[in-house]
Amino acid sequence: MTSDPRIIDAATVVVARDSAEGLEVLLLRRHAGLTSHGGLWAFPGGAVDPGDRVPDADDLASARRAAARETHEEVGLKLDPAALVPLSHWTSPDGGPRIYRTWFLVGVPDPDAELSPAADEVTATAWYSPAAAVQAHARGDLQLPVPQFVTLDHIGQHASVDALLAALRGQSPHRFNGRRSDVAGGICWRYEGDEAWDHGDLTRPGRRRRMWAVEPGWRFEET
């Protein structure tokens, strides 16, 4: 927890299920009037409230509680906070009025659970395979924030919920703290571990860990 009012701890849930076509995730279109990602398609989630804080525990424990609470408030799904599996952690870039520190967690709903979207926060919901969501974004049918796009790119290699969870339990959560490079057609976000993380020279050979948010198509590059 921090005393800096610009810093907001948050949590979001990649709600995942199996379908006849393979792994699917829940996306919702956030109400245009919301401060964070208003009008965009994203995963359920929000800020960690004081009531979510777990005394004498790390920030992940509090994030799990916040993620489960927000998912229930936004779409009516009940998730066990202890069962949420860490996927990644994102810190928004410096320079803005707010800095979000967000845990991305994977949760599996009850198979019989039905969605009940909150009208003041959610204007539409849909289940997508990761690949279909990325394709819909490319067509302009979905507008995704960068963290959601990268997350979909990462989990799209897994054919089922079990395969995704098994992979996550065998690795540490990915961490993203972006630094901006303005390029033709948009923005390249450099993440720690990229050759250009410190100096910003995108042409130097070396490891790639960067997001090209440029037209005509976004892509995440990692080697």
Protein backbone atom coordinates (compact mmCIF):
# COMPACT_ATOMS: atom_id res chain seq x y z
CA MET A 1 0.00 0.00 0.00
CA THR A 2 1.26 3.51 -0.79
CA SER A 3 0.46 7.00 0.48
CA ASP A 4 0.97 8.53 -2.99
CA PRO A 5 -2.56 9.48 -4.21
CA ARG A 6 -1.49 9.04 -7.85
CA ILE A 7 -0.78 5.34 -7.38
CA ILE A 8 -3.76 2.99 -7.55
CA ASP A 9 -3.46 -0.71 -6.82
CA ALA A 10 -5.86 -2.72 -8.97
CA ALA A 11 -6.73 -6.24 -10.07
CA THR A 12 -8.41 -7.81 -13.07
CA VAL A 13 -9.59 -11.33 -13.84
CA VAL A 14 -9.18 -13.30 -17.05
CA VAL A 15 -12.37 -15.34 -16.63
CA ALA A 16 -11.68 -18.49 -18.64
CA ARG A 17 -13.76 -21.49 -19.70
CA ASP A 18 -13.56 -24.38 -22.15
CA SER A 19 -15.85 -24.55 -25.18
CA ALA A 20 -16.25 -26.79 -28.19
CA GLU A 21 -13.83 -24.48 -30.02
CA GLY A 22 -11.29 -24.44 -27.19
CA LEU A 23 -10.31 -21.88 -24.56
CA GLU A 24 -12.57 -18.83 -24.25
CA VAL A 25 -12.31 -15.71 -22.09
CA LEU A 26 -14.90 -13.19 -20.98
CA LEU A 27 -14.60 -9.64 -22.28
CA LEU A 28 -16.85 -6.76 -21.32
CA ARG A 29 -17.30 -3.32 -22.80
CA ARG A 30 -16.83 -0.79 -20.04
CA HIS A 31 -19.24 2.11 -19.70
CA ALA A 32 -17.92 5.14 -21.58
CA GLY A 33 -18.15 7.29 -18.46
CA LEU A 34 -15.70 5.21 -16.42
CA THR A 35 -12.30 6.72 -15.64
CA SER A 36 -10.27 3.63 -16.50
CA HIS A 37 -10.66 2.16 -20.02
CA GLY A 38 -14.06 3.81 -20.49
CA GLY A 39 -15.73 2.53 -23.68
CA LEU A 40 -13.08 -0.15 -24.27
CA TRP A 41 -13.36 -3.93 -24.07
CA ALA A 42 -11.52 -5.39 -21.11
CA PHE A 43 -11.54 -8.08 -18.45
CA PRO A 44 -13.57 -7.57 -15.24
CA GLY A 45 -11.69 -5.72 -12.53
CA GLY A 46 -11.01 -2.50 -10.70
CA ALA A 47 -9.19 -0.79 -7.87
CA VAL A 48 -8.26 -2.46 -4.60
CA ASP A 49 -10.54 -0.96 -1.94
CA PRO A 50 -9.59 -0.56 1.73
CA GLY A 51 -11.91 -3.46 2.59
CA ASP A 52 -9.95 -5.72 0.26
CA ARG A 53 -6.68 -5.19 2.11
CA VAL A 54 -5.30 -8.23 3.90
CA PRO A 55 -3.33 -7.18 7.00
CA ASP A 56 0.26 -8.41 7.15
CA ALA A 57 0.05 -9.97 3.68
CA ASP A 58 1.56 -9.16 0.30
CA ASP A 59 -0.28 -7.12 -2.32
CA LEU A 60 -1.29 -10.26 -4.23
CA ALA A 61 -3.58 -11.40 -1.42
CA SER A 62 -5.40 -8.07 -1.46
CA ALA A 63 -5.55 -8.14 -5.26
CA ARG A 64 -7.21 -11.55 -5.22
CA ARG A 65 -9.97 -10.26 -2.95
CA ALA A 66 -10.46 -7.13 -5.04
CA ALA A 67 -10.56 -9.11 -8.27
CA ALA A 68 -13.22 -11.50 -6.98
CA ARG A 69 -15.30 -8.63 -5.57
CA GLU A 70 -15.12 -6.57 -8.76
CA THR A 71 -16.03 -9.55 -10.95
CA HIS A 72 -19.11 -10.20 -8.83
CA GLU A 73 -20.11 -6.53 -8.87
CA GLU A 74 -19.60 -6.10 -12.61
CA VAL A 75 -20.96 -9.33 -14.09
CA GLY A 76 -22.44 -11.32 -11.18
CA LEU A 77 -19.91 -14.17 -11.20
CA LYS A 78 -18.70 -15.54 -7.88
CA LEU A 79 -15.05 -16.57 -7.78
CA ASP A 80 -12.97 -17.91 -4.91
CA PRO A 81 -10.18 -15.36 -4.31
CA ALA A 82 -7.80 -18.09 -3.15
CA ALA A 83 -8.29 -19.98 -6.42
CA LEU A 84 -7.28 -17.06 -8.66
CA VAL A 85 -3.96 -17.80 -10.38
CA PRO A 86 -1.49 -14.94 -11.05
CA LEU A 87 -0.76 -14.31 -14.72
CA SER A 88 1.02 -10.94 -14.88
CA HIS A 89 1.53 -7.61 -13.17
CA TRP A 90 1.29 -4.29 -15.04
CA THR A 91 2.51 -0.86 -13.94
CA SER A 92 1.24 2.00 -16.09
CA PRO A 93 3.85 4.47 -17.35
CA ASP A 94 4.95 7.51 -15.34
CA GLY A 95 3.81 10.93 -16.45
CA GLY A 96 0.04 10.50 -16.24
CA PRO A 97 -2.31 11.73 -13.52
CA ARG A 98 -2.60 8.17 -12.20
CA ILE A 99 -0.26 5.21 -12.04
CA TYR A 100 -2.04 1.85 -11.93
CA ARG A 101 -0.34 -1.22 -10.47
CA THR A 102 -2.54 -4.06 -11.66
CA TRP A 103 -2.46 -7.79 -11.05
CA PHE A 104 -3.90 -9.91 -13.87
CA LEU A 105 -5.32 -13.17 -12.50
CA VAL A 106 -7.00 -16.18 -14.10
CA GLY A 107 -10.30 -17.42 -12.68
CA VAL A 108 -12.63 -20.26 -13.67
CA PRO A 109 -16.38 -19.75 -13.06
CA ASP A 110 -18.94 -22.37 -12.15
CA PRO A 111 -20.09 -24.01 -15.41
CA ASP A 112 -23.73 -23.18 -14.65
CA ALA A 113 -23.09 -19.56 -13.65
CA GLU A 114 -24.95 -16.87 -15.59
CA LEU A 115 -23.78 -13.35 -16.26
CA SER A 116 -25.60 -10.44 -14.67
CA PRO A 117 -23.88 -7.26 -15.93
CA ALA A 118 -24.12 -4.05 -13.91
CA ALA A 119 -25.68 -1.48 -16.24
CA ASP A 120 -23.76 1.44 -14.75
CA GLU A 121 -20.41 -0.23 -15.47
CA VAL A 122 -20.89 -2.71 -18.34
CA THR A 123 -22.64 -2.09 -21.67
CA ALA A 124 -21.93 -5.45 -23.34
CA THR A 125 -20.33 -8.83 -22.66
CA ALA A 126 -19.00 -11.56 -24.94
CA TRP A 127 -17.00 -14.80 -24.79
CA TYR A 128 -14.10 -14.93 -27.24
CA SER A 129 -11.24 -17.24 -27.99
CA PRO A 130 -8.02 -15.22 -27.59
CA ALA A 131 -7.34 -15.44 -31.34
CA ALA A 132 -10.87 -14.32 -32.25
CA ALA A 133 -10.62 -11.33 -29.89
CA VAL A 134 -7.33 -10.24 -31.44
CA GLN A 135 -8.85 -10.59 -34.92
CA ALA A 136 -11.92 -8.59 -33.86
CA HIS A 137 -9.62 -5.87 -32.58
CA ALA A 138 -7.79 -5.80 -35.92
CA ARG A 139 -11.13 -5.40 -37.74
CA GLY A 140 -12.17 -2.58 -35.44
CA ASP A 141 -15.02 -4.58 -33.87
CA LEU A 142 -13.34 -4.47 -30.44
CA GLN A 143 -11.20 -1.74 -28.95
CA LEU A 144 -8.74 -3.32 -26.51
CA PRO A 145 -6.34 -1.63 -24.09
CA VAL A 146 -2.70 -2.63 -24.59
CA PRO A 147 -2.47 -4.90 -21.48
CA GLN A 148 -5.53 -6.86 -22.61
CA PHE A 149 -4.13 -7.25 -26.12
CA VAL A 150 -0.81 -8.57 -24.81
CA THR A 151 -2.60 -10.89 -22.38
CA LEU A 152 -4.72 -12.38 -25.16
CA ASP A 153 -1.59 -12.85 -27.26
CA HIS A 154 0.09 -14.70 -24.39
CA ILE A 155 -2.74 -17.05 -23.47
CA GLY A 156 -3.75 -17.81 -27.05
CA GLN A 157 -1.15 -20.59 -27.26
CA HIS A 158 -3.09 -22.72 -24.75
CA ALA A 159 -5.85 -24.99 -25.98
CA SER A 160 -7.72 -25.42 -22.68
CA VAL A 161 -8.18 -23.96 -19.22
CA ASP A 162 -6.19 -26.83 -17.67
CA ALA A 163 -3.29 -26.24 -20.05
CA LEU A 164 -3.26 -22.53 -19.24
CA LEU A 165 -3.38 -23.07 -15.48
CA ALA A 166 -0.67 -25.75 -15.62
CA ALA A 167 1.62 -23.38 -17.50
CA LEU A 168 0.99 -20.52 -15.06
CA ARG A 169 1.67 -22.65 -12.01
CA GLY A 170 5.07 -23.56 -13.44
CA GLN A 171 6.29 -20.00 -13.97
CA SER A 172 6.56 -16.63 -12.27
CA PRO A 173 4.06 -13.94 -13.30
CA HIS A 174 5.15 -11.76 -16.21
CA ARG A 175 5.87 -8.15 -15.18
CA PHE A 176 5.32 -5.17 -17.46
CA ASN A 177 6.41 -1.60 -16.84
CA GLY A 178 6.21 0.20 -20.16
CA ARG A 179 8.41 2.93 -21.56
CA ARG A 180 7.12 4.79 -24.59
CA SER A 181 8.74 5.26 -27.99
CA ASP A 182 6.81 7.28 -30.55
CA VAL A 183 7.06 5.64 -33.96
CA ALA A 184 5.44 6.05 -37.37
CA GLY A 185 1.78 5.07 -37.08
CA GLY A 186 1.59 4.92 -33.31
CA ILE A 187 3.52 3.90 -30.21
CA CYS A 188 6.03 1.19 -29.33
CA TRP A 189 5.98 0.23 -25.66
CA ARG A 190 9.29 -1.19 -24.40
CA TYR A 191 9.19 -3.53 -21.42
CA GLU A 192 11.92 -4.48 -19.00
CA GLY A 193 14.11 -7.14 -20.59
CA ASP A 194 13.96 -5.52 -24.02
CA GLU A 195 17.30 -4.44 -25.48
CA ALA A 196 15.94 -0.89 -25.83
CA TRP A 197 14.52 -0.67 -22.28
CA ASP A 198 17.15 1.78 -21.07
CA HIS A 199 18.40 3.62 -24.15
CA GLY A 200 15.32 3.56 -26.40
CA ASP A 201 17.15 2.68 -29.63
CA LEU A 202 14.69 0.28 -31.25
CA THR A 203 17.11 -0.62 -34.04
CA ARG A 204 19.80 -2.24 -31.89
CA PRO A 205 20.00 -6.04 -32.11
CA GLY A 206 19.12 -7.98 -28.99
CA ARG A 207 16.18 -9.28 -27.02
CA ARG A 208 12.72 -8.04 -27.97
CA ARG A 209 9.95 -7.50 -25.45
CA ARG A 210 7.85 -4.74 -26.90
CA MET A 211 4.32 -3.90 -27.99
CA TRP A 212 3.76 -2.21 -31.34
CA ALA A 213 0.50 -0.26 -30.98
CA VAL A 214 0.63 0.98 -34.55
CA GLU A 215 -1.55 0.93 -37.63
CA PRO A 216 -2.50 -1.02 -39.65
CA GLY A 217 -2.18 -3.75 -37.00
CA TRP A 218 -1.01 -4.14 -33.41
CA ARG A 219 1.49 -6.86 -32.52
CA PHE A 220 3.44 -7.99 -29.48
CA GLU A 221 7.06 -8.91 -30.12
CA GLU A 222 8.98 -11.12 -27.71
CA THR A 223 12.14 -13.14 -28.27
